[in-house]
Amino acid sequence: MDRVRMSLILVATLTLFTCTACAESSYEVNSLSGLKKEIKEAYRDGKMSESEKKTITSDTNPAVLTEFFEEKMEQADEAIADADIDVDEVLNQDEDGEKGKVELNLGDHSKVIVEFEDKEDETLADSVADTLIPSCYAATNGETMWKKYGNRYFTAKKAVLSGIGGASIKLENHYKVSSNGLDERYGDPYVSFNFSAGITGNITAGSPIISDKTARTPGKSDINMYARFPYQYTANVGGVGATTGGTFKLSTTVKYVAKNASEKKIKVKHSWSVSG
């Protein structure tokens, strides 16, 4: 029994703030260039400490934090689009073609990481059997795109990380490979986030929507699902705060490429997209 996991991480300094009630004189950092300079200085020894995070946040105008977070989110989307990531090529970074990741530099000690994983969707019985029966087969690169009949899951995870905060979204696409083709089973969405003092945020995972449930024609059909992730972030510095929100949409697709009936396998191709 197989399972596909495509993991896409969104760890991001996600916050947009509009502070109209505070005077610039209340803060030591009142420009985007000034904030970037402070971040660069904090990383001079290779790492930003928790106290440095707190100081930078408290000294910075919330409107500037808004601008910084917004810039990094836009840069993350642009970097992913420019990279033109091929999921199956990334998966084949691993000897067994089961996992891989792409890390893109956003500047200012920020980055976006996209991860994919392609593994078996094991039942409890399968897990027990694995501990009793040693594996004697290791697939070569590329071969693992041919999937044996059985249940799989495909996970995509996107993470954007910066020195003063980050967040991630992930969608697991559980599906079945059989002599009929491909069938969606269900999806599992996940979120995580972590921000420095003075910055709060929340991301929620909406129920996955299956938009194409079956794929029956090799080379011409696919299965896919998506989930929406509403978010809201607030910067509160010196009693003055600014809040923004929106919704991310993460989609995953598994294409039915070819079929080998004699070996009970189907060749698949993975793809994904994120917007919001």
Protein backbone atom coordinates (compact mmCIF):
# COMPACT_ATOMS: atom_id res chain seq x y z
CA MET A 1 0.00 0.00 0.00
CA ASP A 2 1.41 3.36 -0.99
CA ARG A 3 0.80 6.90 0.02
CA VAL A 4 1.64 10.27 -1.35
CA ARG A 5 2.62 13.18 0.69
CA MET A 6 3.38 16.55 -0.62
CA SER A 7 4.50 18.96 1.84
CA LEU A 8 4.36 22.65 1.32
CA ILE A 9 5.55 24.95 4.11
CA LEU A 10 4.37 28.59 4.46
CA VAL A 11 6.33 30.04 7.28
CA ALA A 12 5.98 33.75 6.93
CA THR A 13 6.25 37.02 8.68
CA LEU A 14 2.60 37.50 7.97
CA THR A 15 1.31 40.75 9.28
CA LEU A 16 -0.09 43.86 7.69
CA PHE A 17 -0.61 46.82 9.90
CA THR A 18 -1.99 50.31 9.48
CA CYS A 19 -1.17 52.61 12.32
CA THR A 20 -2.67 56.05 11.86
CA ALA A 21 -2.98 57.15 15.48
CA CYS A 22 0.68 56.99 16.47
CA ALA A 23 3.31 59.63 15.86
CA GLU A 24 6.61 58.58 14.33
CA SER A 25 8.44 60.21 17.20
CA SER A 26 7.09 57.46 19.48
CA TYR A 27 9.33 54.88 17.79
CA GLU A 28 13.03 54.58 17.08
CA VAL A 29 12.47 52.76 13.77
CA ASN A 30 10.12 54.52 11.36
CA SER A 31 11.15 53.25 7.94
CA LEU A 32 11.47 49.94 6.13
CA SER A 33 15.16 50.53 5.48
CA GLY A 34 15.66 51.25 9.18
CA LEU A 35 13.98 48.00 10.18
CA LYS A 36 16.09 46.02 7.72
CA LYS A 37 19.21 47.66 9.15
CA GLU A 38 18.22 46.61 12.68
CA ILE A 39 17.59 43.03 11.53
CA LYS A 40 20.96 42.93 9.75
CA GLU A 41 22.69 44.19 12.89
CA ALA A 42 20.95 41.59 15.05
CA TYR A 43 22.24 38.83 12.76
CA ARG A 44 25.81 40.11 12.81
CA ASP A 45 26.84 37.18 15.02
CA GLY A 46 24.81 34.71 12.90
CA LYS A 47 21.66 34.54 15.03
CA MET A 48 18.97 36.85 16.36
CA SER A 49 18.31 36.37 20.08
CA GLU A 50 14.88 36.48 21.70
CA SER A 51 15.75 39.73 23.45
CA GLU A 52 16.80 41.27 20.13
CA LYS A 53 13.50 40.20 18.57
CA LYS A 54 11.59 41.83 21.40
CA THR A 55 13.61 45.03 21.20
CA ILE A 56 13.24 45.36 17.44
CA THR A 57 9.49 44.78 17.65
CA SER A 58 8.94 47.28 20.46
CA ASP A 59 11.12 49.95 18.82
CA THR A 60 9.47 49.71 15.39
CA ASN A 61 6.43 51.62 14.19
CA PRO A 62 3.59 49.08 13.58
CA ALA A 63 3.07 50.57 10.11
CA VAL A 64 6.66 49.62 9.26
CA LEU A 65 6.16 46.09 10.56
CA THR A 66 3.13 45.94 8.28
CA GLU A 67 5.19 47.00 5.31
CA PHE A 68 7.93 44.47 6.06
CA PHE A 69 5.58 41.53 6.48
CA GLU A 70 3.65 42.47 3.35
CA GLU A 71 6.87 42.73 1.33
CA LYS A 72 8.11 39.30 2.42
CA MET A 73 4.80 37.62 1.62
CA GLU A 74 4.80 39.15 -1.86
CA GLN A 75 8.44 38.20 -2.37
CA ALA A 76 7.70 34.62 -1.31
CA ASP A 77 4.97 34.27 -3.92
CA GLU A 78 7.20 35.83 -6.59
CA ALA A 79 10.16 33.60 -5.67
CA ILE A 80 8.04 30.45 -5.91
CA ALA A 81 6.60 31.52 -9.26
CA ASP A 82 10.06 32.36 -10.66
CA ALA A 83 11.51 29.05 -9.43
CA ASP A 84 8.94 27.09 -11.49
CA ILE A 85 9.18 24.16 -9.06
CA ASP A 86 8.66 20.66 -10.48
CA VAL A 87 7.27 18.57 -7.61
CA ASP A 88 8.49 15.22 -8.91
CA GLU A 89 12.02 16.52 -9.47
CA VAL A 90 12.06 17.76 -5.87
CA LEU A 91 10.78 14.41 -4.60
CA ASN A 92 13.66 12.67 -6.35
CA GLN A 93 16.23 14.52 -4.24
CA ASP A 94 15.68 11.56 -1.95
CA GLU A 95 17.18 8.16 -2.85
CA ASP A 96 13.75 6.55 -2.79
CA GLY A 97 11.97 9.45 -4.45
CA GLU A 98 9.94 10.08 -1.31
CA LYS A 99 10.80 13.59 -0.15
CA GLY A 100 12.54 16.83 -0.94
CA LYS A 101 12.46 20.57 -0.37
CA VAL A 102 13.29 23.86 -2.02
CA GLU A 103 14.58 26.80 0.00
CA LEU A 104 14.46 30.28 -1.54
CA ASN A 105 16.20 33.35 -0.10
CA LEU A 106 13.99 36.43 0.33
CA GLY A 107 16.71 38.71 1.65
CA ASP A 108 16.88 40.36 5.08
CA HIS A 109 17.43 36.97 6.73
CA SER A 110 14.04 35.73 5.51
CA LYS A 111 13.26 32.69 3.37
CA VAL A 112 10.44 30.57 2.00
CA ILE A 113 10.65 26.78 2.16
CA VAL A 114 8.53 24.43 0.06
CA GLU A 115 8.54 20.73 0.99
CA PHE A 116 7.05 17.67 -0.64
CA GLU A 117 6.76 14.10 0.56
CA ASP A 118 5.51 10.97 -1.17
CA LYS A 119 4.96 7.96 1.06
CA GLU A 120 2.63 5.09 1.83
CA ASP A 121 -0.67 5.74 3.55
CA GLU A 122 -0.30 2.86 5.97
CA THR A 123 -3.00 1.21 8.00
CA LEU A 124 -2.25 0.02 11.52
CA ALA A 125 -1.79 -3.49 10.15
CA ASP A 126 0.73 -2.22 7.60
CA SER A 127 2.69 -0.43 10.34
CA VAL A 128 2.88 -3.58 12.43
CA ALA A 129 3.95 -5.62 9.42
CA ASP A 130 6.74 -3.17 8.64
CA THR A 131 8.27 -3.76 12.07
CA LEU A 132 8.19 -7.53 11.55
CA ILE A 133 9.18 -7.86 7.89
CA PRO A 134 12.41 -6.13 6.80
CA SER A 135 12.30 -4.27 3.51
CA CYS A 136 14.42 -5.78 0.74
CA TYR A 137 13.61 -3.32 -2.05
CA ALA A 138 14.84 0.21 -2.63
CA ALA A 139 13.50 2.13 -5.60
CA THR A 140 15.77 4.18 -7.82
CA ASN A 141 15.22 7.81 -8.67
CA GLY A 142 12.25 8.32 -10.98
CA GLU A 143 10.91 4.80 -10.57
CA THR A 144 8.84 5.79 -7.54
CA MET A 145 6.57 7.92 -9.72
CA TRP A 146 5.01 4.58 -10.62
CA LYS A 147 2.70 3.90 -7.68
CA LYS A 148 1.40 0.49 -6.67
CA TYR A 149 -2.31 0.02 -6.15
CA GLY A 150 -3.39 1.07 -2.68
CA ASN A 151 -3.96 4.15 -0.52
CA ARG A 152 -1.57 7.08 -0.68
CA TYR A 153 -1.31 10.63 0.57
CA PHE A 154 0.21 13.68 -1.10
CA THR A 155 1.18 16.57 1.20
CA ALA A 156 2.17 20.12 0.28
CA LYS A 157 3.63 22.43 2.89
CA LYS A 158 4.79 26.02 2.50
CA ALA A 159 6.68 27.94 5.18
CA VAL A 160 7.91 31.53 5.20
CA LEU A 161 10.43 32.34 7.93
CA SER A 162 11.95 35.58 9.15
CA GLY A 163 13.79 36.72 12.24
CA ILE A 164 10.68 38.21 13.87
CA GLY A 165 8.03 35.64 13.00
CA GLY A 166 6.75 32.95 10.71
CA ALA A 167 3.82 30.73 9.73
CA SER A 168 3.06 27.64 7.67
CA ILE A 169 0.13 25.94 5.95
CA LYS A 170 -0.09 22.33 4.83
CA LEU A 171 -2.60 20.15 3.01
CA GLU A 172 -2.56 16.34 2.97
CA ASN A 173 -4.34 14.85 -0.04
CA HIS A 174 -5.36 11.24 0.71
CA TYR A 175 -6.28 9.20 -2.37
CA LYS A 176 -6.50 5.68 -3.79
CA VAL A 177 -4.62 4.08 -6.68
CA SER A 178 -6.43 1.12 -8.29
CA SER A 179 -7.13 -0.64 -11.59
CA ASN A 180 -9.87 1.96 -12.15
CA GLY A 181 -7.45 4.89 -11.91
CA LEU A 182 -7.28 7.48 -9.13
CA ASP A 183 -9.91 8.34 -6.50
CA GLU A 184 -9.83 11.11 -3.91
CA ARG A 185 -10.53 9.91 -0.36
CA TYR A 186 -10.21 12.90 2.00
CA GLY A 187 -7.95 15.81 2.94
CA ASP A 188 -6.28 16.99 6.15
CA PRO A 189 -5.22 20.66 6.54
CA TYR A 190 -2.68 21.89 9.12
CA VAL A 191 -1.35 25.28 10.26
CA SER A 192 1.38 26.61 12.54
CA PHE A 193 2.69 30.06 13.42
CA ASN A 194 5.14 31.73 15.76
CA PHE A 195 5.78 35.44 16.29
CA SER A 196 7.93 37.55 18.57
CA ALA A 197 6.56 39.59 21.46
CA GLY A 198 4.18 42.34 20.42
CA ILE A 199 3.04 40.49 17.30
CA THR A 200 0.07 38.14 17.47
CA GLY A 201 -1.59 36.16 14.75
CA ASN A 202 -3.95 33.35 13.99
CA ILE A 203 -4.42 31.04 11.02
CA THR A 204 -7.32 28.58 10.80
CA ALA A 205 -7.70 25.64 8.45
CA GLY A 206 -10.91 25.36 6.48
CA SER A 207 -12.38 22.02 5.42
CA PRO A 208 -10.75 20.64 2.24
CA ILE A 209 -12.87 20.77 -0.89
CA ILE A 210 -12.53 17.96 -3.45
CA SER A 211 -12.93 19.58 -6.88
CA ASP A 212 -12.18 16.48 -9.00
CA LYS A 213 -12.89 13.19 -7.25
CA THR A 214 -11.90 10.63 -9.90
CA ALA A 215 -9.38 10.23 -12.72
CA ARG A 216 -10.08 7.48 -15.24
CA THR A 217 -8.30 8.45 -18.47
CA PRO A 218 -4.48 8.13 -18.63
CA GLY A 219 -2.83 11.33 -19.74
CA LYS A 220 -6.06 13.33 -19.71
CA SER A 221 -7.44 13.32 -16.18
CA ASP A 222 -6.47 14.18 -12.61
CA ILE A 223 -7.82 14.42 -9.08
CA ASN A 224 -7.49 17.53 -6.99
CA MET A 225 -8.55 19.29 -3.82
CA TYR A 226 -7.98 22.59 -2.07
CA ALA A 227 -8.35 24.19 1.34
CA ARG A 228 -8.67 27.81 2.42
CA PHE A 229 -6.75 29.19 5.39
CA PRO A 230 -8.19 32.44 6.84
CA TYR A 231 -5.63 34.48 8.77
CA GLN A 232 -5.38 37.61 10.89
CA TYR A 233 -2.31 39.32 12.35
CA THR A 234 -1.88 42.20 14.73
CA ALA A 235 1.10 44.29 15.79
CA ASN A 236 0.69 46.04 19.12
CA VAL A 237 3.51 48.35 20.13
CA GLY A 238 3.19 50.76 23.04
CA GLY A 239 -0.55 50.30 23.22
CA VAL A 240 -1.01 51.15 19.55
CA GLY A 241 -1.92 48.32 17.21
CA ALA A 242 -2.72 47.57 13.59
CA THR A 243 -4.44 44.49 12.19
CA THR A 244 -4.80 42.86 8.81
CA GLY A 245 -6.30 39.63 7.53
CA GLY A 246 -7.06 37.58 4.46
CA THR A 247 -7.30 34.03 3.17
CA PHE A 248 -4.74 31.71 1.62
CA LYS A 249 -5.80 28.96 -0.79
CA LEU A 250 -3.63 25.84 -1.11
CA SER A 251 -4.40 23.36 -3.91
CA THR A 252 -2.95 19.93 -4.72
CA THR A 253 -3.34 17.85 -7.89
CA VAL A 254 -2.41 14.29 -8.83
CA LYS A 255 -2.45 13.55 -12.57
CA TYR A 256 -3.16 10.09 -13.98
CA VAL A 257 -0.27 9.72 -16.46
CA ALA A 258 -0.16 6.03 -17.43
CA LYS A 259 -1.12 2.53 -16.30
CA ASN A 260 0.75 -0.78 -16.06
CA ALA A 261 -2.00 -3.34 -15.45
CA SER A 262 0.34 -6.36 -15.34
CA GLU A 263 2.39 -4.86 -12.47
CA LYS A 264 -0.66 -3.20 -10.88
CA LYS A 265 0.85 0.27 -10.97
CA ILE A 266 -0.16 3.73 -12.11
CA LYS A 267 2.21 6.53 -13.00
CA VAL A 268 1.30 9.87 -11.41
CA LYS A 269 2.51 13.45 -11.57
CA HIS A 270 2.09 15.90 -8.69
CA SER A 271 1.45 19.63 -8.76
CA TRP A 272 0.34 22.34 -6.34
CA SER A 273 -0.42 26.03 -6.07
CA VAL A 274 -0.92 28.62 -3.35
CA SER A 275 -2.54 32.03 -3.50
CA GLY A 276 -3.95 34.69 -1.20
